[in-house]
Amino acid sequence: MKHSLELKNDLWDAYYALGMYHFWTGYYSKFFSWLPFVGNAKGQGIEEVKTAIEKGVYVNVEASSSLLRIFFTEQEYDKAITLAQEILRKYPDYLYCYWYLAESYTQLKEYDQAIGSLEWIQNYFDHSDLAGPTGLLEVKYKLGLCYYEKKDYDKALSFLTEVAGSNMRINNEYVNLNEYPRLADKLIKKIEEEK
């Protein structure tokens, strides 16, 4: 890849792959700092991904999505929100952006905005054959969590009770519910103590 760019430096789409490589190897270098050949090129990686977005032909959406995740990973929530909103102006039904909007707003404690994104996701899941029940449970748990943080305990309980009471069979489909029923139950107990 690097050699290709040396031969022809306007292969802008190649900067996406190179940027992802540099960012993620830099990100994980904290776990391998004892290795002499592992460096941290996260900043370089971000710039390369931005180059692919600005000048690339084929990878603009993928590179933008990846940069969104990078901003969230780096806890640059304002940048993540701005980028997600830019992407949504072009692709208004892009579910991936709504997830990162909801997560970023939650991290910034902007719960009304997080709820708006989560409600969009819930509506999408309710009307999509592609959505699985575990995703819907995650959304409902996160809605309950946001309402809990807003001290709207009744709304929080309505979502959390549904998640906590879910079983391994939803709409005749067996699922792995992960940790959401357990987390919902824990939060319900906390609400009961605070009431």
Foldseek 3Di string as FASTA:
>chain_A
DVVVCVVPVLQLLVLLVVLVVQQVLLVCVVVVVVDPPRHHRNVVSLVSLVSCLVRNDPCNVVSLLVNLVVCVVVLVLVVNLVSLVVVCVVVVLDLSSLVSQLVSCVVVLVLVSNLVSLVSVLVCLVPDPPDDPLVNLVSLQSNLVSCVSVVVNVSSCVSLVVSLPDDQADPNDGDDNPCSNVVSVVVNVVNVVVD
